[in-house]
Amino acid sequence: MVNRVMILGSINVDSIYQVTRFPQPGETIVVKQKSYAPGGKGANQAVAAARSGAKVSFVGAVGADNDGQEMVKTLAENNVDTSRIAVDPDNGTGSAVITVDENGQNDIMVYGGANQAMSVAQLNDLELAGTDFIVAQLETPQEVTLAAFKLARQQNIITILNPAPATELLPELLEYTDIIIPNETESSLLTGISVNDEPSILQNAKFFKAHGIKNTIITLGEQGVFYVTADGHHGLVPAFKVNPVDTTAAGDTFIGALSSQLSPNLGNFESAITYAQRASSLAVQGMGAMPSIPLAEEVEKALG
């Protein structure tokens, strides 16, 4: 069965600077190479889900500019339904400046633009019938996400929150989140509990559950992914060992791919995570966010 996934999120155009190392405060360094690529957490996750076979729709906003037109075109070319993407006449399309060092690590600065100007009114007449999952991040207003999650809860649609970039969350948003997917840094910032071993991860999951979230998935980089389900089942899915070129889209690829594979009854956490981990491991071996996201057949081939 094909998952129907709605992504509520950000759309950015990325400027990517490749450097040998990151500069120190006040230091000027030489950029080895500069490039542009479509991106934004929401757009990346939508493309990752679509390339892994999900039927994907998108709720977001772009500016009335060339970047916005190109981003909508790019999403459509990747089989994402763009009919709910609004054009904001007052704010430009979101953008990001990404610096990547020779080890594949990155620094990212984001301009919200039309993403941050989204309003709850954009959800008027939002059609959710038949949707299995709705996925959101924190590059768009939390009030909009909360309103969408409330609509989803009324129709028994699973809500997935990627709390990135990490910031203080609306308490009510947690109550309407079914699955939260932070990385270890984001989880620690949200809970106040450092993630450094299994007991601390379980404490993080306990915190989220106490605030209304039954399922927790914490990505741990090269260590893998730890999950805790509503019934308390938990485990670590190891990462695939690769030599990363650019880790920019790693988390977004993981979340999009996961939403394409996870059963709506949430009965296949481990196998869905394994697939998403493999997709992410392929993505980090290419430059740029969206361009490096793999197709389903590439993931399946890599899984063997």
Protein backbone atom coordinates (compact mmCIF):
# COMPACT_ATOMS: atom_id res chain seq x y z
CA MET A 1 0.00 0.00 0.00
CA VAL A 2 1.28 3.49 -0.87
CA ASN A 3 1.48 5.93 2.04
CA ARG A 4 -0.22 9.29 1.59
CA VAL A 5 1.95 11.92 3.28
CA MET A 6 1.27 15.62 3.75
CA ILE A 7 4.28 17.82 4.50
CA LEU A 8 3.69 21.17 6.19
CA GLY A 9 6.95 23.03 6.06
CA SER A 10 9.63 25.24 4.65
CA ILE A 11 10.83 25.87 1.12
CA ASN A 12 14.29 27.39 0.67
CA VAL A 13 16.89 28.00 -1.97
CA ASP A 14 20.30 26.93 -0.62
CA SER A 15 23.62 28.66 -1.30
CA ILE A 16 26.35 26.11 -0.58
CA TYR A 17 29.95 27.04 0.20
CA GLN A 18 32.57 24.29 0.31
CA VAL A 19 35.53 25.06 2.57
CA THR A 20 38.48 23.18 4.02
CA ARG A 21 37.44 24.14 7.55
CA PHE A 22 35.05 26.52 9.29
CA PRO A 23 36.41 30.02 10.03
CA GLN A 24 37.14 31.24 13.54
CA PRO A 25 35.37 34.42 14.75
CA GLY A 26 36.77 37.38 12.79
CA GLU A 27 38.69 35.15 10.36
CA THR A 28 38.42 35.25 6.57
CA ILE A 29 38.92 32.01 4.65
CA VAL A 30 38.83 31.07 0.97
CA VAL A 31 35.78 29.22 -0.39
CA LYS A 32 36.77 26.24 -2.59
CA GLN A 33 33.48 26.04 -4.47
CA LYS A 34 30.05 27.69 -4.47
CA SER A 35 26.78 26.20 -5.72
CA TYR A 36 23.01 26.58 -5.45
CA ALA A 37 20.41 23.90 -4.76
CA PRO A 38 16.72 23.61 -3.85
CA GLY A 39 16.16 22.93 -0.16
CA GLY A 40 14.31 23.73 3.03
CA LYS A 41 13.49 21.07 5.60
CA GLY A 42 9.92 20.71 4.41
CA ALA A 43 10.79 20.55 0.73
CA ASN A 44 13.61 18.07 1.36
CA GLN A 45 11.35 15.81 3.39
CA ALA A 46 8.63 15.97 0.74
CA VAL A 47 11.03 14.98 -2.03
CA ALA A 48 12.53 12.21 0.10
CA ALA A 49 9.07 10.76 0.76
CA ALA A 50 8.06 11.05 -2.91
CA ARG A 51 11.28 9.50 -4.21
CA SER A 52 10.66 6.56 -1.89
CA GLY A 53 7.21 5.99 -3.33
CA ALA A 54 4.82 7.96 -1.12
CA LYS A 55 1.98 10.05 -2.56
CA VAL A 56 2.98 13.48 -1.23
CA SER A 57 1.19 16.82 -0.91
CA PHE A 58 2.72 20.03 0.40
CA VAL A 59 1.43 22.94 2.50
CA GLY A 60 3.79 25.91 2.45
CA ALA A 61 4.57 29.32 0.98
CA VAL A 62 7.02 30.97 -1.39
CA GLY A 63 7.62 34.57 -2.40
CA ALA A 64 6.42 36.16 -5.64
CA ASP A 65 9.90 35.82 -7.11
CA ASN A 66 11.90 33.62 -9.46
CA ASP A 67 13.18 31.46 -6.60
CA GLY A 68 9.62 30.69 -5.57
CA GLN A 69 8.57 29.77 -9.09
CA GLU A 70 11.58 27.49 -9.50
CA MET A 71 10.98 25.78 -6.16
CA VAL A 72 7.34 25.04 -6.93
CA LYS A 73 8.41 23.69 -10.32
CA THR A 74 11.09 21.52 -8.70
CA LEU A 75 8.64 20.03 -6.21
CA ALA A 76 6.12 19.30 -8.96
CA GLU A 77 8.83 17.62 -11.04
CA ASN A 78 9.44 15.36 -8.04
CA ASN A 79 5.80 14.25 -7.95
CA VAL A 80 4.79 16.48 -5.04
CA ASP A 81 1.30 18.01 -5.16
CA THR A 82 1.97 21.77 -4.95
CA SER A 83 -1.63 23.01 -5.08
CA ARG A 84 -1.53 24.13 -1.41
CA ILE A 85 1.64 26.21 -1.76
CA ALA A 86 0.72 29.89 -1.37
CA VAL A 87 2.49 32.79 -3.07
CA ASP A 88 3.30 35.56 -0.59
CA PRO A 89 3.44 39.01 -2.26
CA ASP A 90 5.12 40.66 0.74
CA ASN A 91 7.91 38.26 1.70
CA GLY A 92 10.63 36.60 -0.35
CA THR A 93 11.16 32.88 -0.79
CA GLY A 94 13.11 31.36 2.08
CA SER A 95 16.82 30.84 1.68
CA ALA A 96 19.74 29.24 3.47
CA VAL A 97 23.51 29.72 3.47
CA ILE A 98 25.25 26.37 4.02
CA THR A 99 28.97 25.98 4.70
CA VAL A 100 30.37 22.46 4.28
CA ASP A 101 33.85 21.48 5.46
CA GLU A 102 36.10 18.75 4.02
CA ASN A 103 34.70 16.22 6.54
CA GLY A 104 31.15 16.75 5.30
CA GLN A 105 30.03 18.65 8.40
CA ASN A 106 27.93 21.75 7.89
CA ASP A 107 26.93 25.14 9.31
CA ILE A 108 23.54 26.53 8.23
CA MET A 109 22.01 30.02 8.43
CA VAL A 110 18.37 30.35 7.38
CA TYR A 111 16.25 33.31 6.23
CA GLY A 112 12.60 32.42 6.88
CA GLY A 113 10.87 34.81 4.48
CA ALA A 114 7.53 33.47 3.25
CA ASN A 115 7.98 30.36 5.40
CA GLN A 116 7.79 32.34 8.63
CA ALA A 117 4.95 34.53 7.34
CA MET A 118 2.55 31.60 6.97
CA SER A 119 -0.73 31.92 8.88
CA VAL A 120 -3.45 29.61 10.16
CA ALA A 121 -5.78 31.07 7.52
CA GLN A 122 -3.80 29.12 4.92
CA LEU A 123 -5.33 25.94 6.34
CA ASN A 124 -8.89 26.99 5.44
CA ASP A 125 -10.59 24.17 3.55
CA LEU A 126 -7.52 21.94 3.96
CA GLU A 127 -8.45 18.48 2.72
CA LEU A 128 -6.94 15.68 4.82
CA ALA A 129 -9.19 12.78 3.84
CA GLY A 130 -7.14 9.73 2.96
CA THR A 131 -3.91 11.13 4.42
CA ASP A 132 -1.88 8.69 6.53
CA PHE A 133 0.75 11.05 7.98
CA ILE A 134 1.23 14.78 8.33
CA VAL A 135 4.83 15.88 8.92
CA ALA A 136 6.02 19.28 10.14
CA GLN A 137 9.24 20.97 11.29
CA LEU A 138 10.01 24.27 13.03
CA GLU A 139 10.95 26.47 10.05
CA THR A 140 7.30 27.57 9.82
CA PRO A 141 5.16 29.07 12.64
CA GLN A 142 4.22 26.63 15.37
CA GLU A 143 0.70 28.06 15.49
CA VAL A 144 0.12 26.84 11.94
CA THR A 145 1.50 23.39 12.75
CA LEU A 146 -0.67 23.16 15.86
CA ALA A 147 -3.81 24.01 13.88
CA ALA A 148 -2.94 21.39 11.25
CA PHE A 149 -2.19 18.75 13.90
CA LYS A 150 -5.53 19.44 15.58
CA LEU A 151 -7.30 18.84 12.27
CA ALA A 152 -5.30 15.66 11.83
CA ARG A 153 -6.17 14.36 15.30
CA GLN A 154 -9.88 14.83 14.54
CA GLN A 155 -9.46 12.49 11.56
CA ASN A 156 -7.12 9.97 13.23
CA ILE A 157 -4.18 10.96 11.04
CA ILE A 158 -0.72 10.31 12.50
CA THR A 159 1.24 13.50 13.21
CA ILE A 160 5.05 13.59 13.03
CA LEU A 161 7.04 16.52 14.41
CA ASN A 162 10.67 17.12 13.53
CA PRO A 163 11.60 19.78 16.14
CA ALA A 164 14.29 21.43 14.06
CA PRO A 165 15.77 23.91 14.41
CA ALA A 166 15.31 23.33 18.14
CA THR A 167 13.48 26.05 19.99
CA GLU A 168 10.93 26.30 22.78
CA LEU A 169 7.80 24.42 21.79
CA LEU A 170 4.19 25.37 22.35
CA PRO A 171 3.09 22.96 25.13
CA GLU A 172 -0.14 22.22 23.28
CA LEU A 173 1.78 21.21 20.16
CA LEU A 174 3.32 18.31 22.08
CA GLU A 175 -0.14 17.09 23.04
CA TYR A 176 -1.11 16.76 19.39
CA THR A 177 2.12 15.08 18.25
CA ASP A 178 2.07 11.30 17.81
CA ILE A 179 5.74 10.84 16.85
CA ILE A 180 8.61 13.21 17.61
CA ILE A 181 11.88 12.87 15.68
CA PRO A 182 14.72 15.06 17.03
CA ASN A 183 18.44 14.44 16.78
CA GLU A 184 20.36 14.00 20.03
CA THR A 185 21.18 17.72 20.35
CA GLU A 186 17.62 18.84 19.70
CA SER A 187 16.24 16.28 22.13
CA SER A 188 18.63 17.39 24.87
CA LEU A 189 17.71 21.05 24.35
CA LEU A 190 13.99 20.30 24.52
CA THR A 191 14.09 18.04 27.58
CA GLY A 192 17.08 19.40 29.50
CA ILE A 193 18.41 15.83 29.67
CA SER A 194 21.72 15.15 27.90
CA VAL A 195 21.65 12.27 25.44
CA ASN A 196 24.75 10.16 25.99
CA ASP A 197 23.62 6.55 26.62
CA GLU A 198 20.55 4.32 26.59
CA PRO A 199 19.26 5.30 30.07
CA SER A 200 19.42 9.00 29.15
CA ILE A 201 17.64 8.36 25.85
CA LEU A 202 14.88 6.52 27.70
CA GLN A 203 14.63 9.49 30.07
CA ASN A 204 14.19 11.77 27.07
CA ALA A 205 11.42 9.53 25.75
CA LYS A 206 9.80 9.50 29.18
CA PHE A 207 9.81 13.32 29.17
CA PHE A 208 8.10 13.45 25.79
CA LYS A 209 5.53 10.84 26.83
CA ALA A 210 4.71 12.83 29.97
CA HIS A 211 3.95 15.77 27.69
CA GLY A 212 1.65 13.77 25.43
CA ILE A 213 3.95 12.22 22.79
CA LYS A 214 3.71 8.44 22.78
CA ASN A 215 6.43 7.59 20.26
CA THR A 216 9.99 8.94 20.18
CA ILE A 217 12.67 8.46 17.52
CA ILE A 218 16.06 10.07 18.24
CA THR A 219 18.66 10.16 15.47
CA LEU A 220 22.21 9.72 16.76
CA GLY A 221 24.33 10.35 13.70
CA GLU A 222 26.93 7.64 13.09
CA GLN A 223 25.65 5.71 16.12
CA GLY A 224 22.28 5.05 14.49
CA VAL A 225 18.69 5.69 15.56
CA PHE A 226 17.03 4.88 18.88
CA TYR A 227 13.27 4.44 19.04
CA VAL A 228 10.74 4.07 21.85
CA THR A 229 7.15 3.10 20.96
CA ALA A 230 3.91 3.80 22.78
CA ASP A 231 3.96 0.35 24.41
CA GLY A 232 7.52 0.87 25.68
CA HIS A 233 9.25 -1.29 23.09
CA HIS A 234 12.61 0.23 22.26
CA GLY A 235 15.85 -0.43 20.44
CA LEU A 236 18.84 0.92 18.55
CA VAL A 237 19.01 0.56 14.77
CA PRO A 238 22.69 0.90 13.81
CA ALA A 239 23.80 3.39 11.17
CA PHE A 240 25.28 2.30 7.84
CA LYS A 241 28.97 3.15 7.68
CA VAL A 242 29.84 5.52 4.81
CA ASN A 243 32.25 8.36 4.06
CA PRO A 244 30.07 11.50 4.13
CA VAL A 245 30.56 14.28 1.60
CA ASP A 246 27.76 16.60 2.80
CA THR A 247 25.47 15.84 5.74
CA THR A 248 23.05 18.69 5.00
CA ALA A 249 20.06 16.53 4.00
CA ALA A 250 20.70 13.56 6.27
CA GLY A 251 17.91 14.18 8.78
CA ASP A 252 15.40 15.35 6.20
CA THR A 253 16.03 12.32 4.00
CA PHE A 254 15.59 10.06 7.00
CA ILE A 255 12.25 11.59 7.99
CA GLY A 256 10.83 11.71 4.48
CA ALA A 257 11.90 8.15 3.72
CA LEU A 258 10.54 6.97 7.07
CA SER A 259 7.12 8.48 6.40
CA SER A 260 7.00 6.63 3.09
CA GLN A 261 7.62 3.25 4.73
CA LEU A 262 6.06 3.42 8.19
CA SER A 263 2.80 1.52 8.47
CA PRO A 264 -0.14 3.74 9.52
CA ASN A 265 -0.69 1.33 12.42
CA LEU A 266 2.95 1.94 13.46
CA GLY A 267 3.66 -1.78 13.52
CA ASN A 268 6.97 -1.75 11.62
CA PHE A 269 9.18 0.80 13.36
CA GLU A 270 12.42 -1.14 13.03
CA SER A 271 12.16 -2.06 9.34
CA ALA A 272 10.99 1.46 8.40
CA ILE A 273 13.88 2.98 10.34
CA THR A 274 16.35 0.63 8.65
CA TYR A 275 15.10 1.72 5.23
CA ALA A 276 15.25 5.41 6.22
CA GLN A 277 18.75 4.97 7.62
CA ARG A 278 19.93 3.49 4.34
CA ALA A 279 18.32 6.34 2.37
CA SER A 280 20.05 8.86 4.61
CA SER A 281 23.41 7.10 4.23
CA LEU A 282 23.12 7.47 0.45
CA ALA A 283 22.14 11.13 0.68
CA VAL A 284 25.22 12.17 2.65
CA GLN A 285 27.47 10.80 -0.08
CA GLY A 286 26.41 13.56 -2.49
CA MET A 287 26.59 17.35 -2.44
CA GLY A 288 23.53 19.52 -1.85
CA ALA A 289 20.34 18.84 0.04
CA MET A 290 17.65 17.87 -2.45
CA PRO A 291 19.94 16.71 -5.31
CA SER A 292 21.47 13.99 -3.12
CA ILE A 293 18.19 12.38 -1.98
CA PRO A 294 18.00 8.83 -3.41
CA LEU A 295 15.21 7.07 -5.28
CA ALA A 296 13.48 3.99 -3.84
CA GLU A 297 15.27 1.64 -6.24
CA GLU A 298 18.64 3.01 -5.14
CA VAL A 299 17.77 2.42 -1.49
CA GLU A 300 16.46 -1.08 -2.14
CA LYS A 301 19.59 -1.94 -4.13
CA ALA A 302 21.82 -0.68 -1.31
CA LEU A 303 19.85 -2.70 1.22
CA GLY A 304 20.45 -5.78 -0.90
